[in-house]
Protein backbone atom coordinates (compact mmCIF):
# COMPACT_ATOMS: atom_id res chain seq x y z
CA MET A 1 -12.18 26.27 14.91
CA SER A 2 -14.98 25.24 12.42
CA ASN A 3 -11.64 24.61 9.68
CA PHE A 4 -9.67 23.07 10.98
CA ILE A 5 -11.01 20.31 12.87
CA ASN A 6 -12.02 19.63 9.66
CA ARG A 7 -9.17 19.50 7.46
CA PHE A 8 -6.92 18.21 11.00
CA GLY A 9 -10.03 16.16 12.31
CA THR A 10 -8.15 12.42 11.82
CA VAL A 11 -5.02 13.70 12.52
CA LEU A 12 -6.97 14.53 16.02
CA ALA A 13 -8.08 11.59 15.50
CA LEU A 14 -4.55 9.79 15.33
CA VAL A 15 -3.42 11.79 18.15
CA ILE A 16 -6.56 10.50 20.48
CA ILE A 17 -5.82 7.21 19.50
CA PHE A 18 -2.63 6.75 20.22
CA ALA A 19 -2.84 9.04 23.70
CA LEU A 20 -5.53 6.20 24.36
CA PHE A 21 -3.11 3.54 23.62
CA ALA A 22 0.17 5.04 25.39
CA ILE A 23 -2.59 5.21 28.94
CA ILE A 24 -4.38 1.92 28.40
CA SER A 25 -1.16 0.18 28.07
CA ALA A 26 0.33 2.44 31.22
CA PHE A 27 -1.76 0.13 33.37
CA GLN A 28 -0.54 -2.56 32.25
CA GLU A 29 2.80 -3.67 31.26
CA GLY A 30 3.93 -0.50 29.96
CA ARG A 31 5.33 -1.44 26.50
CA PHE A 32 3.33 0.75 23.68
CA LEU A 33 5.40 3.41 24.26
CA THR A 34 8.72 2.18 24.74
CA SER A 35 10.77 2.23 21.95
CA GLN A 36 11.18 -0.43 20.82
CA ASN A 37 7.35 -1.30 20.15
CA LEU A 38 7.56 2.43 18.38
CA ILE A 39 9.89 1.43 15.77
CA ASN A 40 8.32 -2.24 15.42
CA ILE A 41 5.17 0.20 14.91
CA LEU A 42 6.69 1.78 11.86
CA ARG A 43 8.34 -1.75 10.44
CA GLN A 44 4.50 -3.33 10.45
CA VAL A 45 3.34 0.26 8.51
CA ALA A 46 5.60 0.29 5.77
CA THR A 47 5.20 -1.46 3.73
CA LEU A 48 0.97 -0.26 3.60
CA ALA A 49 2.54 2.25 3.59
CA ILE A 50 4.36 2.11 -0.01
CA VAL A 51 1.22 -0.27 -1.84
CA ALA A 52 -1.72 2.49 -0.59
CA THR A 53 0.84 6.08 -1.68
CA GLY A 54 0.42 3.54 -4.54
CA LEU A 55 -3.13 3.44 -4.90
CA THR A 56 -3.29 7.02 -3.69
CA ILE A 57 -2.24 7.87 -6.79
CA ALA A 58 -4.54 5.84 -8.93
CA VAL A 59 -7.54 7.40 -6.46
CA ALA A 60 -6.91 10.91 -7.23
CA ALA A 61 -6.95 10.00 -11.06
CA GLY A 62 -10.35 8.97 -10.45
CA GLU A 63 -10.21 5.41 -10.30
CA PHE A 64 -9.81 2.08 -8.12
CA ASP A 65 -7.87 -0.69 -7.62
CA LEU A 66 -9.21 -3.34 -6.13
CA SER A 67 -7.20 -5.92 -7.24
CA VAL A 68 -3.84 -4.46 -4.56
CA GLY A 69 -3.60 -7.36 -2.88
CA GLN A 70 -3.50 -9.88 -5.39
CA VAL A 71 -1.01 -9.07 -7.31
CA ALA A 72 1.10 -7.97 -4.33
CA SER A 73 0.98 -11.61 -3.47
CA LEU A 74 1.18 -12.93 -6.96
CA THR A 75 4.69 -10.49 -7.33
CA GLY A 76 5.98 -12.06 -4.07
CA ILE A 77 5.51 -15.38 -5.34
CA LEU A 78 6.90 -14.58 -8.64
CA MET A 79 9.66 -12.60 -7.07
CA ALA A 80 10.55 -15.80 -4.25
CA GLY A 81 10.15 -18.55 -7.20
CA LEU A 82 11.65 -17.19 -9.47
CA ILE A 83 14.88 -17.32 -6.52
CA VAL A 84 14.11 -20.20 -5.70
CA ARG A 85 12.54 -22.50 -7.85
CA GLN A 86 14.88 -20.84 -10.62
CA GLU A 87 17.50 -19.98 -9.21
CA LEU A 88 18.02 -16.91 -11.63
CA PRO A 89 19.60 -13.33 -8.86
CA TRP A 90 17.39 -11.27 -6.42
CA GLY A 91 17.92 -8.02 -8.53
CA ILE A 92 16.28 -9.07 -11.35
CA SER A 93 14.01 -11.13 -10.03
CA LEU A 94 12.48 -8.36 -8.56
CA ILE A 95 13.49 -6.60 -11.77
CA ALA A 96 10.64 -8.74 -12.97
CA ALA A 97 8.45 -9.34 -10.26
CA LEU A 98 7.47 -5.32 -10.39
CA GLY A 99 7.39 -6.17 -13.92
CA LEU A 100 4.84 -8.19 -13.51
CA GLY A 101 3.37 -5.70 -11.42
CA LEU A 102 3.34 -2.39 -14.48
CA PHE A 103 1.64 -4.87 -16.74
CA PHE A 104 -1.11 -5.58 -14.79
CA GLY A 105 -1.44 -1.31 -14.44
CA LEU A 106 -0.90 -1.43 -18.18
CA LEU A 107 -3.19 -3.46 -18.62
CA THR A 108 -5.87 -3.04 -16.32
CA GLY A 109 -5.95 0.95 -18.02
CA MET A 110 -6.03 -0.38 -21.05
CA LEU A 111 -9.79 -1.93 -20.42
CA VAL A 112 -10.12 1.20 -18.23
CA THR A 113 -9.44 4.14 -20.85
CA ARG A 114 -9.91 2.01 -24.40
CA PHE A 115 -13.24 -0.25 -23.55
CA LYS A 116 -14.42 1.81 -20.86
CA ILE A 117 -14.94 -0.74 -18.47
CA PRO A 118 -15.04 0.77 -15.03
CA SER A 119 -11.97 0.60 -12.98
CA LEU A 120 -13.84 -1.08 -9.85
CA ILE A 121 -14.62 -3.78 -12.15
CA THR A 122 -11.39 -4.28 -14.21
CA THR A 123 -9.53 -4.54 -10.96
CA LEU A 124 -11.95 -6.93 -9.23
CA GLY A 125 -11.64 -9.67 -12.54
CA MET A 126 -7.69 -8.94 -12.10
CA GLY A 127 -7.22 -9.95 -9.47
CA LEU A 128 -9.10 -13.24 -9.77
CA ILE A 129 -6.33 -13.49 -12.64
CA ALA A 130 -4.21 -12.90 -10.54
CA VAL A 131 -5.00 -15.26 -8.07
CA GLY A 132 -5.28 -17.50 -10.85
CA VAL A 133 -1.62 -17.03 -11.94
CA ASN A 134 -0.92 -17.25 -9.13
CA TYR A 135 -1.86 -20.41 -7.47
CA ALA A 136 -0.46 -22.34 -10.99
CA TYR A 137 2.66 -20.86 -10.59
CA ALA A 138 3.00 -21.43 -7.25
CA ARG A 139 1.55 -25.00 -7.80
CA GLY A 140 -0.68 -23.72 -4.25
CA ASP A 141 2.16 -24.55 -1.53
CA SER A 142 4.06 -21.69 -0.15
CA ILE A 143 7.21 -21.26 -1.70
CA TYR A 144 10.38 -21.44 0.97
CA GLY A 145 14.03 -22.00 0.66
CA ARG A 146 17.17 -19.88 1.51
CA LEU A 147 16.74 -16.17 0.00
CA PRO A 148 20.18 -14.13 0.05
CA ASP A 149 21.33 -11.83 2.54
CA GLU A 150 21.52 -8.38 0.75
CA TYR A 151 17.25 -8.88 -0.32
CA THR A 152 16.85 -10.51 3.55
CA PHE A 153 17.91 -7.02 4.30
CA ILE A 154 15.68 -5.41 3.12
CA GLY A 155 13.04 -6.90 4.86
CA THR A 156 14.91 -6.82 8.65
CA GLY A 157 17.45 -4.30 8.40
CA THR A 158 18.29 -2.10 10.39
CA ILE A 159 21.00 1.42 9.54
CA GLY A 160 21.30 2.31 13.08
CA PRO A 161 18.33 1.92 14.66
CA ILE A 162 16.55 2.85 12.05
CA PRO A 163 14.24 -0.27 9.82
CA PHE A 164 15.66 -0.52 6.73
CA VAL A 165 12.42 -0.90 5.39
CA VAL A 166 10.87 2.03 7.10
CA ILE A 167 13.84 3.80 5.30
CA LEU A 168 13.03 2.30 2.17
CA ALA A 169 9.11 3.44 2.64
CA VAL A 170 9.35 7.48 3.23
CA ILE A 171 12.11 7.73 -0.04
CA VAL A 172 9.47 5.83 -2.03
CA ILE A 173 6.76 8.07 -0.87
CA ALA A 174 8.40 11.35 -1.06
CA ILE A 175 9.42 10.96 -4.34
CA LEU A 176 5.62 9.54 -4.57
CA TYR A 177 4.81 13.32 -3.09
CA VAL A 178 6.06 15.16 -4.55
CA PHE A 179 5.14 13.81 -8.10
CA LEU A 180 2.38 14.02 -7.63
CA ASN A 181 1.87 17.74 -6.24
CA TYR A 182 5.15 19.22 -7.85
CA THR A 183 5.02 17.98 -11.64
CA ARG A 184 2.95 18.42 -14.64
CA VAL A 185 2.23 14.72 -14.12
CA GLY A 186 1.16 14.47 -11.19
CA ARG A 187 -1.00 17.91 -11.61
CA TYR A 188 -3.10 16.25 -14.35
CA ILE A 189 -3.58 13.55 -12.71
CA LEU A 190 -4.82 15.34 -10.11
CA ALA A 191 -7.03 17.87 -12.89
CA THR A 192 -7.62 14.30 -14.15
CA GLY A 193 -10.12 13.47 -11.34
CA GLY A 194 -11.09 16.45 -10.23
CA ASN A 195 -12.61 17.62 -13.21
CA PRO A 196 -12.38 15.17 -16.22
CA THR A 197 -14.55 16.74 -18.32
CA ALA A 198 -12.85 20.29 -18.24
CA THR A 199 -9.66 18.54 -17.60
CA ARG A 200 -10.63 16.60 -21.58
CA LEU A 201 -12.34 20.05 -22.77
CA SER A 202 -8.53 22.50 -21.20
CA GLY A 203 -7.16 19.51 -24.63
CA ILE A 204 -5.63 17.26 -21.15
CA ASN A 205 -5.53 13.35 -22.63
CA ILE A 206 -7.31 12.73 -19.48
CA ASN A 207 -6.67 8.74 -20.59
CA ARG A 208 -3.22 8.14 -20.27
CA TYR A 209 -2.94 9.84 -16.78
CA ARG A 210 -5.43 7.52 -15.08
CA MET A 211 -3.05 4.69 -17.45
CA ILE A 212 0.00 6.05 -15.84
CA ALA A 213 -2.12 6.61 -12.04
CA LEU A 214 -2.50 2.47 -12.54
CA MET A 215 0.54 1.99 -13.46
CA ILE A 216 2.01 3.60 -10.62
CA SER A 217 -0.67 1.48 -8.16
CA GLY A 218 0.64 -1.83 -10.22
CA VAL A 219 4.26 -0.93 -9.48
CA GLY A 220 3.56 0.43 -6.02
CA ALA A 221 1.69 -3.17 -5.71
CA ALA A 222 4.51 -5.63 -6.97
CA LEU A 223 7.60 -3.20 -4.46
CA GLY A 224 5.20 -4.43 -1.25
CA GLY A 225 4.86 -7.70 -2.64
CA CYS A 226 8.23 -7.91 -2.99
CA ILE A 227 9.23 -6.21 0.32
CA LEU A 228 6.49 -8.54 2.41
CA VAL A 229 8.85 -11.94 1.20
CA SER A 230 11.95 -10.43 2.26
CA TYR A 231 10.22 -9.88 5.59
CA LEU A 232 8.50 -13.41 5.91
CA GLY A 233 12.03 -15.55 4.14
CA SER A 234 8.39 -16.75 2.33
CA ALA A 235 6.26 -16.80 0.00
CA GLN A 236 2.18 -17.98 0.54
CA PRO A 237 -0.19 -17.25 -2.28
CA SER A 238 -2.49 -15.48 -0.30
CA GLY A 239 -0.32 -13.30 1.69
CA ALA A 240 -0.72 -10.51 0.67
CA ASP A 241 -4.50 -10.14 0.11
CA ASN A 242 -5.35 -8.14 2.96
CA TYR A 243 -3.24 -4.74 1.16
CA THR A 244 -6.11 -4.60 -0.66
CA MET A 245 -9.02 -3.21 1.91
CA ASP A 246 -6.52 -1.98 4.38
CA SER A 247 -4.70 0.66 1.67
CA LEU A 248 -8.60 1.57 0.24
CA ALA A 249 -8.92 1.88 4.08
CA ALA A 250 -5.61 4.01 4.71
CA VAL A 251 -6.87 6.22 0.98
CA PHE A 252 -10.45 6.91 2.78
CA ILE A 253 -9.46 8.05 5.95
CA GLY A 254 -7.01 10.35 4.64
CA MET A 255 -9.40 12.05 2.02
CA THR A 256 -11.48 13.39 5.44
CA THR A 257 -8.35 15.56 6.14
CA ILE A 258 -5.05 17.14 5.14
CA ARG A 259 -7.69 18.14 1.31
CA ARG A 260 -11.00 17.06 2.62
CA GLY A 261 -12.46 14.75 -0.70
CA GLN A 262 -9.78 14.51 -2.14
CA ALA A 263 -7.10 11.11 -2.00
CA ASN A 264 -3.61 12.97 -1.07
CA ILE A 265 -0.37 11.47 0.43
CA LEU A 266 0.42 13.19 3.44
CA GLY A 267 -3.27 11.56 4.23
CA THR A 268 -3.27 7.94 3.42
CA ILE A 269 -0.03 8.19 5.61
CA VAL A 270 -2.33 9.64 8.59
CA GLY A 271 -4.57 6.68 7.58
CA VAL A 272 -2.14 3.82 7.90
CA LEU A 273 -1.18 4.88 11.02
CA ILE A 274 -4.68 4.95 12.46
CA LEU A 275 -4.25 1.79 11.31
CA GLY A 276 -1.14 0.38 12.55
CA ILE A 277 -1.33 2.23 16.27
CA ILE A 278 -5.08 0.07 16.30
CA ASN A 279 -3.18 -2.89 14.98
CA ASN A 280 -0.79 -2.83 17.68
CA GLY A 281 -2.64 -1.75 20.11
CA LEU A 282 -5.58 -3.89 20.32
CA ASN A 283 -2.37 -7.25 19.83
CA LEU A 284 -0.71 -5.22 22.94
CA VAL A 285 -3.36 -5.30 25.12
CA GLY A 286 -4.54 -8.25 24.39
CA ALA A 287 -7.23 -7.89 22.21
CA PRO A 288 -9.01 -11.43 20.14
CA PHE A 289 -8.17 -10.53 16.86
CA PHE A 290 -12.96 -10.56 15.87
CA LEU A 291 -12.83 -8.09 18.16
CA GLN A 292 -9.70 -6.46 16.34
CA THR A 293 -11.56 -6.86 13.21
CA ILE A 294 -13.81 -5.38 13.98
CA VAL A 295 -12.39 -2.11 15.07
CA LYS A 296 -10.88 -1.90 11.95
CA GLY A 297 -13.97 -1.98 10.14
CA SER A 298 -15.56 0.20 11.98
CA VAL A 299 -12.74 3.15 11.37
């Protein structure tokens, strides 16, 4: 029994939190358990899940990425700017935005592996660089304008009752789950994060896999930023900055379950759902914003 609690205690906490808000909601208007609200929770957490899953790959390799929120904000601004200001097709704009996220991950990886700068410090610096470039490109303003329907469908469209962004998140999560757990590169990433010395002595180039992991994190952040813009219909210079702390919280919550002490994608999704349910539940019961922040920090 104790082994079960140790391994799946966080999943149990998710169930308890869900049940708690369901009970509280029953004494009010009962909106929490409606199908519309449950789908809304999934929509709200889908983008965060993509960013957090990419970050999970970096943490699994033993690295931190504290720039995911700033990179997401920058790529969202770039995406909107290329469409609205430069009038480029949204597909080309998306490729450019994802490429920028990849570049940030590559540059971070080079600084970490070639110059031996700890990723904690490197990504803090890269985050500040992203903020500077962001404000320079956007001139400190939000970017508004007509966005193509095909692009906004990503964030606002539905297939049947299911939001398309939820389907996209499931696909991305499934791909990264298979990549991390069932491919040679993924296993080397896990080995690099688990025991880098032994992995290096076995002949594996750990720097290569640390760099790959950070590049995936950068692309995940970029994709999240682009999805957020497609949902909002505009881009704000700091619109996705909160993804950094939320993603880290989800990853570290996830490290307490499934595979204790190790970053794992299923655990991260549990963490994302816990954060999403808490935010949604507190909103429904009318909790003030400061209380929501305190509760999130406590979790």
